[in-house]
PDB file of all heavy atoms in Angstrom:
ATOM      1  N   LYS A   1     111.669  99.543 102.519  1.00  0.00           N
ATOM      2  CA  LYS A   1     112.367 100.073 103.692  1.00  0.00           C
ATOM      3  C   LYS A   1     111.422 100.797 104.643  1.00  0.00           C
ATOM      4  O   LYS A   1     111.591 101.988 104.945  1.00  0.00           O
ATOM      5  CB  LYS A   1     113.509 101.002 103.257  1.00  0.00           C
ATOM      6  CG  LYS A   1     114.579 100.312 102.434  1.00  0.00           C
ATOM      7  CD  LYS A   1     115.691 101.262 102.029  1.00  0.00           C
ATOM      8  CE  LYS A   1     116.754 100.536 101.205  1.00  0.00           C
ATOM      9  NZ  LYS A   1     117.839 101.431 100.757  1.00  0.00           N
ATOM     10  N   PRO A   2     110.404 100.076 105.119  1.00  0.00           N
ATOM     11  CA  PRO A   2     109.425 100.722 106.011  1.00  0.00           C
ATOM     12  C   PRO A   2     110.048 101.086 107.352  1.00  0.00           C
ATOM     13  O   PRO A   2     110.912 100.377 107.873  1.00  0.00           O
ATOM     14  CB  PRO A   2     108.359  99.641 106.188  1.00  0.00           C
ATOM     15  CG  PRO A   2     109.086  98.346 105.996  1.00  0.00           C
ATOM     16  CD  PRO A   2     110.112  98.634 104.932  1.00  0.00           C
ATOM     17  N   ASP A   3     109.605 102.216 107.895  1.00  0.00           N
ATOM     18  CA  ASP A   3     110.030 102.610 109.237  1.00  0.00           C
ATOM     19  C   ASP A   3     109.137 101.972 110.303  1.00  0.00           C
ATOM     20  O   ASP A   3     109.591 101.677 111.404  1.00  0.00           O
ATOM     21  CB  ASP A   3     109.974 104.136 109.384  1.00  0.00           C
ATOM     22  CG  ASP A   3     110.928 104.832 108.439  1.00  0.00           C
ATOM     23  OD1 ASP A   3     112.143 104.577 108.544  1.00  0.00           O
ATOM     24  OD2 ASP A   3     110.459 105.610 107.593  1.00  0.00           O
ATOM     25  N   LEU A   4     107.867 101.783 109.950  1.00  0.00           N
ATOM     26  CA  LEU A   4     106.886 101.282 110.915  1.00  0.00           C
ATOM     27  C   LEU A   4     105.811 100.508 110.169  1.00  0.00           C
ATOM     28  O   LEU A   4     105.425 100.872 109.057  1.00  0.00           O
ATOM     29  CB  LEU A   4     106.232 102.467 111.650  1.00  0.00           C
ATOM     30  CG  LEU A   4     105.048 102.161 112.570  1.00  0.00           C
ATOM     31  CD1 LEU A   4     105.525 101.420 113.820  1.00  0.00           C
ATOM     32  CD2 LEU A   4     104.323 103.445 112.962  1.00  0.00           C
ATOM     33  N   CYS A   5     105.315  99.443 110.787  1.00  0.00           N
ATOM     34  CA  CYS A   5     104.172  98.710 110.251  1.00  0.00           C
ATOM     35  C   CYS A   5     103.049  98.723 111.282  1.00  0.00           C
ATOM     36  O   CYS A   5     103.302  98.529 112.480  1.00  0.00           O
ATOM     37  CB  CYS A   5     104.547  97.270 109.904  1.00  0.00           C
ATOM     38  SG  CYS A   5     105.711  97.139 108.536  1.00  0.00           S
ATOM     39  N   VAL A   6     101.836  98.960 110.818  1.00  0.00           N
ATOM     40  CA  VAL A   6     100.662  99.000 111.687  1.00  0.00           C
ATOM     41  C   VAL A   6      99.711  97.903 111.260  1.00  0.00           C
ATOM     42  O   VAL A   6      99.401  97.757 110.074  1.00  0.00           O
ATOM     43  CB  VAL A   6      99.960 100.378 111.620  1.00  0.00           C
ATOM     44  CG1 VAL A   6      98.667 100.354 112.436  1.00  0.00           C
ATOM     45  CG2 VAL A   6     100.887 101.466 112.138  1.00  0.00           C
ATOM     46  N   VAL A   7      99.257  97.121 112.228  1.00  0.00           N
ATOM     47  CA  VAL A   7      98.377  95.983 111.974  1.00  0.00           C
ATOM     48  C   VAL A   7      97.057  96.211 112.682  1.00  0.00           C
ATOM     49  O   VAL A   7      97.024  96.590 113.856  1.00  0.00           O
ATOM     50  CB  VAL A   7      99.018  94.674 112.480  1.00  0.00           C
ATOM     51  CG1 VAL A   7      98.086  93.491 112.248  1.00  0.00           C
ATOM     52  CG2 VAL A   7     100.364  94.439 111.800  1.00  0.00           C
ATOM     53  N   ALA A   8      95.936  95.985 111.981  1.00  0.00           N
ATOM     54  CA  ALA A   8      94.605  96.097 112.581  1.00  0.00           C
ATOM     55  C   ALA A   8      93.701  95.036 111.963  1.00  0.00           C
ATOM     56  O   ALA A   8      93.439  95.073 110.764  1.00  0.00           O
ATOM     57  CB  ALA A   8      94.017  97.489 112.357  1.00  0.00           C
ATOM     58  N   ALA A   9      93.275  94.073 112.774  1.00  0.00           N
ATOM     59  CA  ALA A   9      92.357  93.019 112.322  1.00  0.00           C
ATOM     60  C   ALA A   9      92.859  92.336 111.059  1.00  0.00           C
ATOM     61  O   ALA A   9      92.108  92.120 110.120  1.00  0.00           O
ATOM     62  CB  ALA A   9      90.963  93.616 112.080  1.00  0.00           C
ATOM     63  N   TYR A  10      94.137  91.990 111.052  1.00  0.00           N
ATOM     64  CA  TYR A  10      94.722  91.413 109.842  1.00  0.00           C
ATOM     65  C   TYR A  10      94.368  89.941 109.673  1.00  0.00           C
ATOM     66  O   TYR A  10      94.119  89.472 108.573  1.00  0.00           O
ATOM     67  CB  TYR A  10      96.240  91.602 109.856  1.00  0.00           C
ATOM     68  CG  TYR A  10      96.897  91.160 108.565  1.00  0.00           C
ATOM     69  CD1 TYR A  10      96.438  91.641 107.339  1.00  0.00           C
ATOM     70  CD2 TYR A  10      97.951  90.264 108.573  1.00  0.00           C
ATOM     71  CE1 TYR A  10      97.029  91.241 106.157  1.00  0.00           C
ATOM     72  CE2 TYR A  10      98.554  89.857 107.397  1.00  0.00           C
ATOM     73  CZ  TYR A  10      98.084  90.341 106.190  1.00  0.00           C
ATOM     74  OH  TYR A  10      98.668  89.932 105.025  1.00  0.00           O
ATOM     75  N   GLY A  11      94.367  89.185 110.751  1.00  0.00           N
ATOM     76  CA  GLY A  11      93.914  87.799 110.673  1.00  0.00           C
ATOM     77  C   GLY A  11      94.939  86.793 110.187  1.00  0.00           C
ATOM     78  O   GLY A  11      94.610  85.630 109.968  1.00  0.00           O
ATOM     79  N   LYS A  12      96.182  87.230 109.990  1.00  0.00           N
ATOM     80  CA  LYS A  12      97.245  86.301 109.583  1.00  0.00           C
ATOM     81  C   LYS A  12      98.438  86.454 110.507  1.00  0.00           C
ATOM     82  O   LYS A  12      98.711  87.545 111.008  1.00  0.00           O
ATOM     83  CB  LYS A  12      97.686  86.567 108.137  1.00  0.00           C
ATOM     84  CG  LYS A  12      96.612  86.263 107.095  1.00  0.00           C
ATOM     85  CD  LYS A  12      97.145  86.508 105.697  1.00  0.00           C
ATOM     86  CE  LYS A  12      96.062  86.216 104.646  1.00  0.00           C
ATOM     87  NZ  LYS A  12      96.555  86.444 103.265  1.00  0.00           N
ATOM     88  N   ILE A  13      99.133  85.349 110.734  1.00  0.00           N
ATOM     89  CA  ILE A  13     100.334  85.386 111.563  1.00  0.00           C
ATOM     90  C   ILE A  13     101.504  85.900 110.737  1.00  0.00           C
ATOM     91  O   ILE A  13     101.744  85.442 109.622  1.00  0.00           O
ATOM     92  CB  ILE A  13     100.643  83.985 112.126  1.00  0.00           C
ATOM     93  CG1 ILE A  13      99.503  83.536 113.059  1.00  0.00           C
ATOM     94  CG2 ILE A  13     101.970  83.990 112.874  1.00  0.00           C
ATOM     95  CD1 ILE A  13      99.654  82.125 113.570  1.00  0.00           C
ATOM     96  N   LEU A  14     102.206  86.861 111.278  1.00  0.00           N
ATOM     97  CA  LEU A  14     103.352  87.447 110.569  1.00  0.00           C
ATOM     98  C   LEU A  14     104.593  86.588 110.792  1.00  0.00           C
ATOM     99  O   LEU A  14     105.000  86.367 111.935  1.00  0.00           O
ATOM    100  CB  LEU A  14     103.605  88.861 111.086  1.00  0.00           C
ATOM    101  CG  LEU A  14     102.525  89.891 110.747  1.00  0.00           C
ATOM    102  CD1 LEU A  14     102.637  91.082 111.679  1.00  0.00           C
ATOM    103  CD2 LEU A  14     102.652  90.334 109.302  1.00  0.00           C
ATOM    104  N   PRO A  15     105.218  86.094 109.724  1.00  0.00           N
ATOM    105  CA  PRO A  15     106.464  85.338 109.879  1.00  0.00           C
ATOM    106  C   PRO A  15     107.518  86.183 110.565  1.00  0.00           C
ATOM    107  O   PRO A  15     107.605  87.401 110.372  1.00  0.00           O
ATOM    108  CB  PRO A  15     106.854  85.016 108.429  1.00  0.00           C
ATOM    109  CG  PRO A  15     105.565  85.065 107.664  1.00  0.00           C
ATOM    110  CD  PRO A  15     104.770  86.154 108.315  1.00  0.00           C
ATOM    111  N   SER A  16     108.356  85.546 111.356  1.00  0.00           N
ATOM    112  CA  SER A  16     109.332  86.265 112.180  1.00  0.00           C
ATOM    113  C   SER A  16     110.294  87.111 111.350  1.00  0.00           C
ATOM    114  O   SER A  16     110.792  88.136 111.827  1.00  0.00           O
ATOM    115  CB  SER A  16     110.108  85.283 113.061  1.00  0.00           C
ATOM    116  OG  SER A  16     110.762  84.310 112.271  1.00  0.00           O
ATOM    117  N   ARG A  17     110.576  86.701 110.112  1.00  0.00           N
ATOM    118  CA  ARG A  17     111.550  87.458 109.313  1.00  0.00           C
ATOM    119  C   ARG A  17     111.058  88.863 108.977  1.00  0.00           C
ATOM    120  O   ARG A  17     111.854  89.742 108.648  1.00  0.00           O
ATOM    121  CB  ARG A  17     111.892  86.697 108.026  1.00  0.00           C
ATOM    122  CG  ARG A  17     110.737  86.461 107.073  1.00  0.00           C
ATOM    123  CD  ARG A  17     111.229  85.762 105.815  1.00  0.00           C
ATOM    124  NE  ARG A  17     110.140  85.438 104.883  1.00  0.00           N
ATOM    125  CZ  ARG A  17     110.337  84.990 103.653  1.00  0.00           C
ATOM    126  NH1 ARG A  17     111.568  84.822 103.189  1.00  0.00           N
ATOM    127  NH2 ARG A  17     109.312  84.707 102.861  1.00  0.00           N
ATOM    128  N   TYR A  18     109.737  89.081 109.059  1.00  0.00           N
ATOM    129  CA  TYR A  18     109.190  90.413 108.798  1.00  0.00           C
ATOM    130  C   TYR A  18     109.445  91.372 109.962  1.00  0.00           C
ATOM    131  O   TYR A  18     109.576  92.586 109.771  1.00  0.00           O
ATOM    132  CB  TYR A  18     107.677  90.343 108.557  1.00  0.00           C
ATOM    133  CG  TYR A  18     107.287  89.852 107.191  1.00  0.00           C
ATOM    134  CD1 TYR A  18     107.286  88.499 106.882  1.00  0.00           C
ATOM    135  CD2 TYR A  18     106.894  90.746 106.189  1.00  0.00           C
ATOM    136  CE1 TYR A  18     106.920  88.040 105.637  1.00  0.00           C
ATOM    137  CE2 TYR A  18     106.523  90.297 104.936  1.00  0.00           C
ATOM    138  CZ  TYR A  18     106.543  88.946 104.666  1.00  0.00           C
ATOM    139  OH  TYR A  18     106.182  88.494 103.424  1.00  0.00           O
ATOM    140  N   LEU A  19     109.462  90.851 111.174  1.00  0.00           N
ATOM    141  CA  LEU A  19     109.382  91.688 112.364  1.00  0.00           C
ATOM    142  C   LEU A  19     110.572  92.612 112.547  1.00  0.00           C
ATOM    143  O   LEU A  19     110.442  93.695 113.120  1.00  0.00           O
ATOM    144  CB  LEU A  19     109.208  90.807 113.605  1.00  0.00           C
ATOM    145  CG  LEU A  19     107.956  89.918 113.612  1.00  0.00           C
ATOM    146  CD1 LEU A  19     107.880  89.127 114.909  1.00  0.00           C
ATOM    147  CD2 LEU A  19     106.690  90.743 113.404  1.00  0.00           C
ATOM    148  N   ASP A  20     111.737  92.208 112.074  1.00  0.00           N
ATOM    149  CA  ASP A  20     112.942  93.014 112.270  1.00  0.00           C
ATOM    150  C   ASP A  20     113.207  94.010 111.149  1.00  0.00           C
ATOM    151  O   ASP A  20     114.172  94.777 111.220  1.00  0.00           O
ATOM    152  CB  ASP A  20     114.165  92.096 112.417  1.00  0.00           C
ATOM    153  CG  ASP A  20     114.106  91.248 113.675  1.00  0.00           C
ATOM    154  OD1 ASP A  20     113.535  91.720 114.667  1.00  0.00           O
ATOM    155  OD2 ASP A  20     114.624  90.108 113.651  1.00  0.00           O
ATOM    156  N   VAL A  21     112.357  94.007 110.134  1.00  0.00           N
ATOM    157  CA  VAL A  21     112.613  94.900 108.986  1.00  0.00           C
ATOM    158  C   VAL A  21     112.352  96.366 109.322  1.00  0.00           C
ATOM    159  O   VAL A  21     113.229  97.210 109.115  1.00  0.00           O
ATOM    160  CB  VAL A  21     111.799  94.444 107.759  1.00  0.00           C
ATOM    161  CG1 VAL A  21     111.940  95.460 106.614  1.00  0.00           C
ATOM    162  CG2 VAL A  21     112.241  93.059 107.296  1.00  0.00           C
ATOM    163  N   PRO A  22     111.175  96.726 109.834  1.00  0.00           N
ATOM    164  CA  PRO A  22     110.940  98.152 110.107  1.00  0.00           C
ATOM    165  C   PRO A  22     111.690  98.632 111.357  1.00  0.00           C
ATOM    166  O   PRO A  22     111.784  97.906 112.356  1.00  0.00           O
ATOM    167  CB  PRO A  22     109.423  98.227 110.329  1.00  0.00           C
ATOM    168  CG  PRO A  22     109.012  96.857 110.728  1.00  0.00           C
ATOM    169  CD  PRO A  22     109.952  95.919 110.053  1.00  0.00           C
ATOM    170  N   LYS A  23     112.197  99.831 111.298  1.00  0.00           N
ATOM    171  CA  LYS A  23     112.987 100.410 112.387  1.00  0.00           C
ATOM    172  C   LYS A  23     112.217 100.441 113.699  1.00  0.00           C
ATOM    173  O   LYS A  23     112.769 100.155 114.765  1.00  0.00           O
ATOM    174  CB  LYS A  23     113.408 101.831 111.992  1.00  0.00           C
ATOM    175  CG  LYS A  23     114.178 102.588 113.066  1.00  0.00           C
ATOM    176  CD  LYS A  23     114.530 103.987 112.585  1.00  0.00           C
ATOM    177  CE  LYS A  23     115.261 104.771 113.659  1.00  0.00           C
ATOM    178  NZ  LYS A  23     115.588 106.140 113.206  1.00  0.00           N
ATOM    179  N   TYR A  24     110.931 100.782 113.614  1.00  0.00           N
ATOM    180  CA  TYR A  24     110.109 100.910 114.823  1.00  0.00           C
ATOM    181  C   TYR A  24     109.196  99.701 115.044  1.00  0.00           C
ATOM    182  O   TYR A  24     108.293  99.749 115.875  1.00  0.00           O
ATOM    183  CB  TYR A  24     109.269 102.192 114.755  1.00  0.00           C
ATOM    184  CG  TYR A  24     110.116 103.446 114.715  1.00  0.00           C
ATOM    185  CD1 TYR A  24     110.352 104.110 113.506  1.00  0.00           C
ATOM    186  CD2 TYR A  24     110.687 103.960 115.870  1.00  0.00           C
ATOM    187  CE1 TYR A  24     111.132 105.264 113.467  1.00  0.00           C
ATOM    188  CE2 TYR A  24     111.467 105.112 115.843  1.00  0.00           C
ATOM    189  CZ  TYR A  24     111.688 105.758 114.627  1.00  0.00           C
ATOM    190  OH  TYR A  24     112.458 106.892 114.601  1.00  0.00           O
ATOM    191  N   GLY A  25     109.446  98.648 114.300  1.00  0.00           N
ATOM    192  CA  GLY A  25     108.712  97.413 114.509  1.00  0.00           C
ATOM    193  C   GLY A  25     107.287  97.428 113.981  1.00  0.00           C
ATOM    194  O   GLY A  25     106.897  98.281 113.181  1.00  0.00           O
ATOM    195  N   PHE A  26     106.508  96.461 114.440  1.00  0.00           N
ATOM    196  CA  PHE A  26     105.097  96.322 114.084  1.00  0.00           C
ATOM    197  C   PHE A  26     104.237  96.677 115.301  1.00  0.00           C
ATOM    198  O   PHE A  26     104.444  96.124 116.396  1.00  0.00           O
ATOM    199  CB  PHE A  26     104.778  94.868 113.700  1.00  0.00           C
ATOM    200  CG  PHE A  26     105.148  94.478 112.304  1.00  0.00           C
ATOM    201  CD1 PHE A  26     106.473  94.267 111.944  1.00  0.00           C
ATOM    202  CD2 PHE A  26     104.163  94.297 111.339  1.00  0.00           C
ATOM    203  CE1 PHE A  26     106.808  93.885 110.657  1.00  0.00           C
ATOM    204  CE2 PHE A  26     104.493  93.914 110.052  1.00  0.00           C
ATOM    205  CZ  PHE A  26     105.817  93.712 109.702  1.00  0.00           C
ATOM    206  N   LEU A  27     103.271  97.571 115.110  1.00  0.00           N
ATOM    207  CA  LEU A  27     102.310  97.892 116.158  1.00  0.00           C
ATOM    208  C   LEU A  27     100.952  97.316 115.777  1.00  0.00           C
ATOM    209  O   LEU A  27     100.513  97.440 114.635  1.00  0.00           O
ATOM    210  CB  LEU A  27     102.188  99.404 116.360  1.00  0.00           C
ATOM    211  CG  LEU A  27     103.443 100.155 116.820  1.00  0.00           C
ATOM    212  CD1 LEU A  27     103.083 101.603 117.125  1.00  0.00           C
ATOM    213  CD2 LEU A  27     104.074  99.494 118.033  1.00  0.00           C
ATOM    214  N   ASN A  28     100.302  96.692 116.750  1.00  0.00           N
ATOM    215  CA  ASN A  28      99.002  96.072 116.513  1.00  0.00           C
ATOM    216  C   ASN A  28      97.934  96.792 117.327  1.00  0.00           C
ATOM    217  O   ASN A  28      98.094  97.030 118.521  1.00  0.00           O
ATOM    218  CB  ASN A  28      99.056  94.593 116.925  1.00  0.00           C
ATOM    219  CG  ASN A  28      97.746  93.879 116.668  1.00  0.00           C
ATOM    220  OD1 ASN A  28      97.009  94.217 115.757  1.00  0.00           O
ATOM    221  ND2 ASN A  28      97.450  92.872 117.473  1.00  0.00           N
ATOM    222  N   VAL A  29      96.823  97.147 116.658  1.00  0.00           N
ATOM    223  CA  VAL A  29      95.658  97.691 117.342  1.00  0.00           C
ATOM    224  C   VAL A  29      94.758  96.505 117.686  1.00  0.00           C
ATOM    225  O   VAL A  29      94.097  95.939 116.810  1.00  0.00           O
ATOM    226  CB  VAL A  29      94.913  98.710 116.454  1.00  0.00           C
ATOM    227  CG1 VAL A  29      93.719  99.298 117.199  1.00  0.00           C
ATOM    228  CG2 VAL A  29      95.853  99.822 116.007  1.00  0.00           C
ATOM    229  N   HIS A  30      94.762  96.114 118.949  1.00  0.00           N
ATOM    230  CA  HIS A  30      94.076  94.892 119.371  1.00  0.00           C
ATOM    231  C   HIS A  30      92.820  95.237 120.175  1.00  0.00           C
ATOM    232  O   HIS A  30      92.894  96.010 121.136  1.00  0.00           O
ATOM    233  CB  HIS A  30      95.022  94.042 120.228  1.00  0.00           C
ATOM    234  CG  HIS A  30      94.406  92.766 120.702  1.00  0.00           C
ATOM    235  ND1 HIS A  30      94.323  91.643 119.900  1.00  0.00           N
ATOM    236  CD2 HIS A  30      93.820  92.431 121.879  1.00  0.00           C
ATOM    237  CE1 HIS A  30      93.721  90.680 120.575  1.00  0.00           C
ATOM    238  NE2 HIS A  30      93.416  91.132 121.775  1.00  0.00           N
ATOM    239  N   PRO A  31      91.656  94.649 119.823  1.00  0.00           N
ATOM    240  CA  PRO A  31      90.400  95.030 120.468  1.00  0.00           C
ATOM    241  C   PRO A  31      90.098  94.297 121.767  1.00  0.00           C
ATOM    242  O   PRO A  31      89.072  93.623 121.905  1.00  0.00           O
ATOM    243  CB  PRO A  31      89.367  94.712 119.383  1.00  0.00           C
ATOM    244  CG  PRO A  31      89.941  93.547 118.662  1.00  0.00           C
ATOM    245  CD  PRO A  31      91.418  93.772 118.657  1.00  0.00           C
ATOM    246  N   SER A  32      90.988  94.421 122.747  1.00  0.00           N
ATOM    247  CA  SER A  32      90.718  93.987 124.121  1.00  0.00           C
ATOM    248  C   SER A  32      91.784  94.620 125.006  1.00  0.00           C
ATOM    249  O   SER A  32      92.765  95.176 124.503  1.00  0.00           O
ATOM    250  CB  SER A  32      90.751  92.458 124.262  1.00  0.00           C
ATOM    251  OG  SER A  32      92.079  91.970 124.362  1.00  0.00           O
ATOM    252  N   ILE A  33      91.575  94.538 126.310  1.00  0.00           N
ATOM    253  CA  ILE A  33      92.607  94.999 127.240  1.00  0.00           C
ATOM    254  C   ILE A  33      93.511  93.814 127.536  1.00  0.00           C
ATOM    255  O   ILE A  33      93.182  92.939 128.332  1.00  0.00           O
ATOM    256  CB  ILE A  33      91.983  95.536 128.546  1.00  0.00           C
ATOM    257  CG1 ILE A  33      91.011  96.686 128.257  1.00  0.00           C
ATOM    258  CG2 ILE A  33      93.069  95.996 129.510  1.00  0.00           C
ATOM    259  CD1 ILE A  33      91.652  97.942 127.721  1.00  0.00           C
ATOM    260  N   LEU A  34      94.634  93.768 126.867  1.00  0.00           N
ATOM    261  CA  LEU A  34      95.562  92.644 127.031  1.00  0.00           C
ATOM    262  C   LEU A  34      96.130  92.618 128.451  1.00  0.00           C
ATOM    263  O   LEU A  34      96.289  93.677 129.066  1.00  0.00           O
ATOM    264  CB  LEU A  34      96.688  92.755 126.001  1.00  0.00           C
ATOM    265  CG  LEU A  34      96.262  92.498 124.566  1.00  0.00           C
ATOM    266  CD1 LEU A  34      97.362  92.935 123.595  1.00  0.00           C
ATOM    267  CD2 LEU A  34      95.910  91.033 124.335  1.00  0.00           C
ATOM    268  N   PRO A  35      96.365  91.398 129.002  1.00  0.00           N
ATOM    269  CA  PRO A  35      96.443  90.100 128.320  1.00  0.00           C
ATOM    270  C   PRO A  35      95.119  89.343 128.173  1.00  0.00           C
ATOM    271  O   PRO A  35      95.119  88.184 127.781  1.00  0.00           O
ATOM    272  CB  PRO A  35      97.406  89.325 129.227  1.00  0.00           C
ATOM    273  CG  PRO A  35      97.125  89.850 130.593  1.00  0.00           C
ATOM    274  CD  PRO A  35      96.853  91.318 130.403  1.00  0.00           C
ATOM    275  N   LYS A  36      94.003  89.981 128.508  1.00  0.00           N
ATOM    276  CA  LYS A  36      92.714  89.302 128.364  1.00  0.00           C
ATOM    277  C   LYS A  36      92.317  89.231 126.895  1.00  0.00           C
ATOM    278  O   LYS A  36      92.436  90.201 126.158  1.00  0.00           O
ATOM    279  CB  LYS A  36      91.645  90.053 129.153  1.00  0.00           C
ATOM    280  CG  LYS A  36      90.324  89.314 129.285  1.00  0.00           C
ATOM    281  CD  LYS A  36      89.370  90.080 130.181  1.00  0.00           C
ATOM    282  CE  LYS A  36      88.082  89.283 130.415  1.00  0.00           C
ATOM    283  NZ  LYS A  36      87.146  90.007 131.299  1.00  0.00           N
TER     284      LYS A  36
END
C-alpha cells in the first residue's frame, strides 16, 4: 500500500497497472530538461 513511488535511472518500463496503486503516483528523477 505505497503512498508514493520514486524512480531514478530504473531502465525498465512500468506496466500501467502499477501506476494507479500509489496515492501520489510515481515520480521520476529524469536527467534532462524535458521534453528534450
